Amino acid sequence: MNVEIPPQIRDAAAQLGAGVPYALKALAGRLADDPDMGEASGLPGLLSVTVDARCSAGPASLS
């Protein structure tokens, strides 16, 4: 499965802290391996996942 992260999400991740872009890449890798982690986005063939930035890892929404 192909996981695309929009540039605005990458930019927002970079502003949240040094480890956040790495965590985003790790999440993308996990989604590629296990697409069922995502939720239906309402668009055919697209899943989304929400990351809660209030925890130590870093609210951002990925589509």
PDB file of N, CA and C in Angstrom:
ATOM      1  N   MET A   1       0.841  -1.170   0.000  1.00  0.00           N
ATOM      2  CA  MET A   1       0.000   0.000   0.000  1.00  0.00           C
ATOM      3  C   MET A   1       0.887   1.233   0.000  1.00  0.00           C
ATOM      4  N   ASN A   2       0.467   2.245  -0.738  1.00  0.00           N
ATOM      5  CA  ASN A   2       1.187   3.511  -0.813  1.00  0.00           C
ATOM      6  C   ASN A   2       0.615   4.485   0.223  1.00  0.00           C
ATOM      7  N   VAL A   3       1.470   5.005   1.095  1.00  0.00           N
ATOM      8  CA  VAL A   3       1.056   5.976   2.102  1.00  0.00           C
ATOM      9  C   VAL A   3       1.663   7.321   1.732  1.00  0.00           C
ATOM     10  N   GLU A   4       0.803   8.303   1.466  1.00  0.00           N
ATOM     11  CA  GLU A   4       1.277   9.640   1.118  1.00  0.00           C
ATOM     12  C   GLU A   4       1.009  10.593   2.277  1.00  0.00           C
ATOM     13  N   ILE A   5       2.003  11.408   2.597  1.00  0.00           N
ATOM     14  CA  ILE A   5       1.865  12.407   3.651  1.00  0.00           C
ATOM     15  C   ILE A   5       1.946  13.776   2.980  1.00  0.00           C
ATOM     16  N   PRO A   6       0.857  14.533   3.032  1.00  0.00           N
ATOM     17  CA  PRO A   6       0.849  15.849   2.384  1.00  0.00           C
ATOM     18  C   PRO A   6       1.931  16.770   2.958  1.00  0.00           C
ATOM     19  N   PRO A   7       2.495  17.656   2.124  1.00  0.00           N
ATOM     20  CA  PRO A   7       3.556  18.558   2.587  1.00  0.00           C
ATOM     21  C   PRO A   7       3.168  19.391   3.808  1.00  0.00           C
ATOM     22  N   GLN A   8       1.907  19.831   3.889  1.00  0.00           N
ATOM     23  CA  GLN A   8       1.506  20.647   5.034  1.00  0.00           C
ATOM     24  C   GLN A   8       1.544  19.838   6.331  1.00  0.00           C
ATOM     25  N   ILE A   9       1.295  18.532   6.248  1.00  0.00           N
ATOM     26  CA  ILE A   9       1.381  17.674   7.434  1.00  0.00           C
ATOM     27  C   ILE A   9       2.843  17.484   7.816  1.00  0.00           C
ATOM     28  N   ARG A  10       3.706  17.290   6.824  1.00  0.00           N
ATOM     29  CA  ARG A  10       5.146  17.172   7.106  1.00  0.00           C
ATOM     30  C   ARG A  10       5.676  18.450   7.763  1.00  0.00           C
ATOM     31  N   ASP A  11       5.265  19.605   7.255  1.00  0.00           N
ATOM     32  CA  ASP A  11       5.702  20.884   7.822  1.00  0.00           C
ATOM     33  C   ASP A  11       5.214  21.050   9.255  1.00  0.00           C
ATOM     34  N   ALA A  12       3.953  20.694   9.493  1.00  0.00           N
ATOM     35  CA  ALA A  12       3.397  20.807  10.844  1.00  0.00           C
ATOM     36  C   ALA A  12       4.134  19.866  11.798  1.00  0.00           C
ATOM     37  N   ALA A  13       4.459  18.673  11.332  1.00  0.00           N
ATOM     38  CA  ALA A  13       5.184  17.715  12.167  1.00  0.00           C
ATOM     39  C   ALA A  13       6.552  18.260  12.556  1.00  0.00           C
ATOM     40  N   ALA A  14       7.224  18.894  11.614  1.00  0.00           N
ATOM     41  CA  ALA A  14       8.550  19.453  11.889  1.00  0.00           C
ATOM     42  C   ALA A  14       8.483  20.547  12.951  1.00  0.00           C
ATOM     43  N   GLN A  15       7.384  21.274  13.005  1.00  0.00           N
ATOM     44  CA  GLN A  15       7.241  22.349  13.983  1.00  0.00           C
ATOM     45  C   GLN A  15       6.882  21.834  15.375  1.00  0.00           C
ATOM     46  N   LEU A  16       6.414  20.601  15.473  1.00  0.00           N
ATOM     47  CA  LEU A  16       6.013  20.042  16.762  1.00  0.00           C
ATOM     48  C   LEU A  16       7.186  19.537  17.585  1.00  0.00           C
ATOM     49  N   GLY A  17       8.299  19.277  16.955  1.00  0.00           N
ATOM     50  CA  GLY A  17       9.467  18.802  17.689  1.00  0.00           C
ATOM     51  C   GLY A  17      10.339  17.912  16.831  1.00  0.00           C
ATOM     52  N   ALA A  18      11.550  17.724  17.290  1.00  0.00           N
ATOM     53  CA  ALA A  18      12.551  17.004  16.498  1.00  0.00           C
ATOM     54  C   ALA A  18      12.168  15.553  16.206  1.00  0.00           C
ATOM     55  N   GLY A  19      11.505  14.871  17.127  1.00  0.00           N
ATOM     56  CA  GLY A  19      11.182  13.467  16.922  1.00  0.00           C
ATOM     57  C   GLY A  19       9.888  13.222  16.162  1.00  0.00           C
ATOM     58  N   VAL A  20       9.102  14.255  15.948  1.00  0.00           N
ATOM     59  CA  VAL A  20       7.783  14.078  15.339  1.00  0.00           C
ATOM     60  C   VAL A  20       7.866  13.652  13.872  1.00  0.00           C
ATOM     61  N   PRO A  21       8.742  14.255  13.049  1.00  0.00           N
ATOM     62  CA  PRO A  21       8.829  13.763  11.663  1.00  0.00           C
ATOM     63  C   PRO A  21       9.211  12.283  11.583  1.00  0.00           C
ATOM     64  N   TYR A  22      10.110  11.845  12.466  1.00  0.00           N
ATOM     65  CA  TYR A  22      10.469  10.422  12.490  1.00  0.00           C
ATOM     66  C   TYR A  22       9.263   9.573  12.870  1.00  0.00           C
ATOM     67  N   ALA A  23       8.512  10.005  13.889  1.00  0.00           N
ATOM     68  CA  ALA A  23       7.319   9.263  14.313  1.00  0.00           C
ATOM     69  C   ALA A  23       6.292   9.195  13.186  1.00  0.00           C
ATOM     70  N   LEU A  24       6.178  10.281  12.428  1.00  0.00           N
ATOM     71  CA  LEU A  24       5.255  10.308  11.289  1.00  0.00           C
ATOM     72  C   LEU A  24       5.677   9.296  10.225  1.00  0.00           C
ATOM     73  N   LYS A  25       6.976   9.227   9.949  1.00  0.00           N
ATOM     74  CA  LYS A  25       7.476   8.244   8.978  1.00  0.00           C
ATOM     75  C   LYS A  25       7.256   6.818   9.479  1.00  0.00           C
ATOM     76  N   ALA A  26       7.451   6.619  10.789  1.00  0.00           N
ATOM     77  CA  ALA A  26       7.230   5.293  11.365  1.00  0.00           C
ATOM     78  C   ALA A  26       5.764   4.902  11.256  1.00  0.00           C
ATOM     79  N   LEU A  27       4.871   5.842  11.535  1.00  0.00           N
ATOM     80  CA  LEU A  27       3.437   5.581  11.399  1.00  0.00           C
ATOM     81  C   LEU A  27       3.081   5.250   9.952  1.00  0.00           C
ATOM     82  N   ALA A  28       3.640   5.993   9.015  1.00  0.00           N
ATOM     83  CA  ALA A  28       3.384   5.727   7.590  1.00  0.00           C
ATOM     84  C   ALA A  28       3.841   4.320   7.222  1.00  0.00           C
ATOM     85  N   GLY A  29       4.983   3.910   7.750  1.00  0.00           N
ATOM     86  CA  GLY A  29       5.474   2.559   7.494  1.00  0.00           C
ATOM     87  C   GLY A  29       4.545   1.493   8.053  1.00  0.00           C
ATOM     88  N   ARG A  30       4.042   1.731   9.259  1.00  0.00           N
ATOM     89  CA  ARG A  30       3.106   0.782   9.866  1.00  0.00           C
ATOM     90  C   ARG A  30       1.807   0.723   9.080  1.00  0.00           C
ATOM     91  N   LEU A  31       1.336   1.888   8.616  1.00  0.00           N
ATOM     92  CA  LEU A  31       0.108   1.905   7.814  1.00  0.00           C
ATOM     93  C   LEU A  31       0.299   1.165   6.497  1.00  0.00           C
ATOM     94  N   ALA A  32       1.472   1.285   5.904  1.00  0.00           N
ATOM     95  CA  ALA A  32       1.754   0.576   4.659  1.00  0.00           C
ATOM     96  C   ALA A  32       1.694  -0.935   4.882  1.00  0.00           C
ATOM     97  N   ASP A  33       2.182  -1.379   6.044  1.00  0.00           N
ATOM     98  CA  ASP A  33       2.177  -2.806   6.367  1.00  0.00           C
ATOM     99  C   ASP A  33       0.814  -3.294   6.847  1.00  0.00           C
ATOM    100  N   ASP A  34       0.064  -2.422   7.531  1.00  0.00           N
ATOM    101  CA  ASP A  34      -1.223  -2.811   8.111  1.00  0.00           C
ATOM    102  C   ASP A  34      -2.255  -1.720   7.857  1.00  0.00           C
ATOM    103  N   PRO A  35      -2.806  -1.647   6.645  1.00  0.00           N
ATOM    104  CA  PRO A  35      -3.750  -0.586   6.294  1.00  0.00           C
ATOM    105  C   PRO A  35      -5.002  -0.553   7.158  1.00  0.00           C
ATOM    106  N   ASP A  36      -5.322  -1.658   7.825  1.00  0.00           N
ATOM    107  CA  ASP A  36      -6.518  -1.681   8.661  1.00  0.00           C
ATOM    108  C   ASP A  36      -6.383  -0.782   9.890  1.00  0.00           C
ATOM    109  N   MET A  37      -5.194  -0.247  10.137  1.00  0.00           N
ATOM    110  CA  MET A  37      -5.024   0.726  11.224  1.00  0.00           C
ATOM    111  C   MET A  37      -5.775   2.018  10.893  1.00  0.00           C
ATOM    112  N   GLY A  38      -5.937   2.302   9.620  1.00  0.00           N
ATOM    113  CA  GLY A  38      -6.618   3.518   9.187  1.00  0.00           C
ATOM    114  C   GLY A  38      -8.121   3.372   9.254  1.00  0.00           C
ATOM    115  N   GLU A  39      -8.802   4.508   9.183  1.00  0.00           N
ATOM    116  CA  GLU A  39     -10.257   4.533   9.176  1.00  0.00           C
ATOM    117  C   GLU A  39     -10.724   5.056   7.821  1.00  0.00           C
ATOM    118  N   ALA A  40     -11.906   4.633   7.407  1.00  0.00           N
ATOM    119  CA  ALA A  40     -12.458   5.096   6.131  1.00  0.00           C
ATOM    120  C   ALA A  40     -12.574   6.615   6.142  1.00  0.00           C
ATOM    121  N   SER A  41     -12.120   7.247   5.084  1.00  0.00           N
ATOM    122  CA  SER A  41     -12.129   8.709   5.009  1.00  0.00           C
ATOM    123  C   SER A  41     -13.390   9.259   4.365  1.00  0.00           C
ATOM    124  N   GLY A  42     -14.181   8.394   3.783  1.00  0.00           N
ATOM    125  CA  GLY A  42     -15.355   8.843   3.043  1.00  0.00           C
ATOM    126  C   GLY A  42     -15.077   8.964   1.554  1.00  0.00           C
ATOM    127  N   LEU A  43     -13.810   8.875   1.167  1.00  0.00           N
ATOM    128  CA  LEU A  43     -13.411   8.890  -0.236  1.00  0.00           C
ATOM    129  C   LEU A  43     -12.967   7.493  -0.630  1.00  0.00           C
ATOM    130  N   PRO A  44     -13.349   7.022  -1.797  1.00  0.00           N
ATOM    131  CA  PRO A  44     -12.983   5.665  -2.211  1.00  0.00           C
ATOM    132  C   PRO A  44     -11.470   5.458  -2.218  1.00  0.00           C
ATOM    133  N   GLY A  45     -11.031   4.409  -1.553  1.00  0.00           N
ATOM    134  CA  GLY A  45      -9.622   4.039  -1.570  1.00  0.00           C
ATOM    135  C   GLY A  45      -8.746   4.834  -0.629  1.00  0.00           C
ATOM    136  N   LEU A  46      -9.303   5.764   0.138  1.00  0.00           N
ATOM    137  CA  LEU A  46      -8.495   6.565   1.054  1.00  0.00           C
ATOM    138  C   LEU A  46      -8.852   6.262   2.500  1.00  0.00           C
ATOM    139  N   LEU A  47      -7.827   6.075   3.302  1.00  0.00           N
ATOM    140  CA  LEU A  47      -7.993   5.878   4.732  1.00  0.00           C
ATOM    141  C   LEU A  47      -7.347   7.049   5.443  1.00  0.00           C
ATOM    142  N   SER A  48      -7.762   7.300   6.673  1.00  0.00           N
ATOM    143  CA  SER A  48      -7.128   8.366   7.444  1.00  0.00           C
ATOM    144  C   SER A  48      -6.808   7.859   8.839  1.00  0.00           C
ATOM    145  N   VAL A  49      -5.891   8.538   9.482  1.00  0.00           N
ATOM    146  CA  VAL A  49      -5.506   8.218  10.850  1.00  0.00           C
ATOM    147  C   VAL A  49      -5.308   9.543  11.571  1.00  0.00           C
ATOM    148  N   THR A  50      -5.649   9.576  12.854  1.00  0.00           N
ATOM    149  CA  THR A  50      -5.482  10.786  13.651  1.00  0.00           C
ATOM    150  C   THR A  50      -4.409  10.541  14.697  1.00  0.00           C
ATOM    151  N   VAL A  51      -3.523  11.496  14.841  1.00  0.00           N
ATOM    152  CA  VAL A  51      -2.459  11.429  15.837  1.00  0.00           C
ATOM    153  C   VAL A  51      -2.756  12.476  16.889  1.00  0.00           C
ATOM    154  N   ASP A  52      -2.785  12.077  18.139  1.00  0.00           N
ATOM    155  CA  ASP A  52      -3.073  12.990  19.244  1.00  0.00           C
ATOM    156  C   ASP A  52      -1.767  13.600  19.725  1.00  0.00           C
ATOM    157  N   ALA A  53      -1.567  14.880  19.458  1.00  0.00           N
ATOM    158  CA  ALA A  53      -0.315  15.554  19.804  1.00  0.00           C
ATOM    159  C   ALA A  53      -0.256  15.951  21.269  1.00  0.00           C
ATOM    160  N   ARG A  54      -1.298  15.710  22.032  1.00  0.00           N
ATOM    161  CA  ARG A  54      -1.273  16.068  23.446  1.00  0.00           C
ATOM    162  C   ARG A  54      -0.455  15.093  24.260  1.00  0.00           C
ATOM    163  N   CYS A  55      -0.204  13.911  23.726  1.00  0.00           N
ATOM    164  CA  CYS A  55       0.611  12.948  24.455  1.00  0.00           C
ATOM    165  C   CYS A  55       2.079  13.275  24.220  1.00  0.00           C
ATOM    166  N   SER A  56       2.949  12.528  24.837  1.00  0.00           N
ATOM    167  CA  SER A  56       4.373  12.833  24.731  1.00  0.00           C
ATOM    168  C   SER A  56       4.894  12.694  23.310  1.00  0.00           C
ATOM    169  N   ALA A  57       4.277  11.859  22.507  1.00  0.00           N
ATOM    170  CA  ALA A  57       4.727  11.682  21.120  1.00  0.00           C
ATOM    171  C   ALA A  57       4.342  12.874  20.266  1.00  0.00           C
ATOM    172  N   GLY A  58       3.534  13.514  20.607  1.00  0.00           N
ATOM    173  CA  GLY A  58       3.136  14.633  19.842  1.00  0.00           C
ATOM    174  C   GLY A  58       1.612  14.745  19.770  1.00  0.00           C
ATOM    175  N   PRO A  59      -2.903  17.732  18.346  1.00  0.00           N
ATOM    176  CA  PRO A  59      -3.726  16.853  17.498  1.00  0.00           C
ATOM    177  C   PRO A  59      -3.358  17.104  16.052  1.00  0.00           C
ATOM    178  N   ALA A  60      -2.933  16.228  15.297  1.00  0.00           N
ATOM    179  CA  ALA A  60      -2.735  16.366  13.867  1.00  0.00           C
ATOM    180  C   ALA A  60      -3.577  15.311  13.169  1.00  0.00           C
ATOM    181  N   SER A  61      -4.074  15.611  12.029  1.00  0.00           N
ATOM    182  CA  SER A  61      -4.865  14.657  11.271  1.00  0.00           C
ATOM    183  C   SER A  61      -4.146  14.342   9.972  1.00  0.00           C
ATOM    184  N   LEU A  62      -4.000  13.081   9.698  1.00  0.00           N
ATOM    185  CA  LEU A  62      -3.339  12.647   8.474  1.00  0.00           C
ATOM    186  C   LEU A  62      -4.362  12.052   7.532  1.00  0.00           C
ATOM    187  N   SER A  63      -4.226  12.321   6.293  1.00  0.00           N
ATOM    188  CA  SER A  63      -5.093  11.695   5.298  1.00  0.00           C
ATOM    189  C   SER A  63      -4.241  11.157   4.181  1.00  0.00           C
TER     190      SER A  63
END
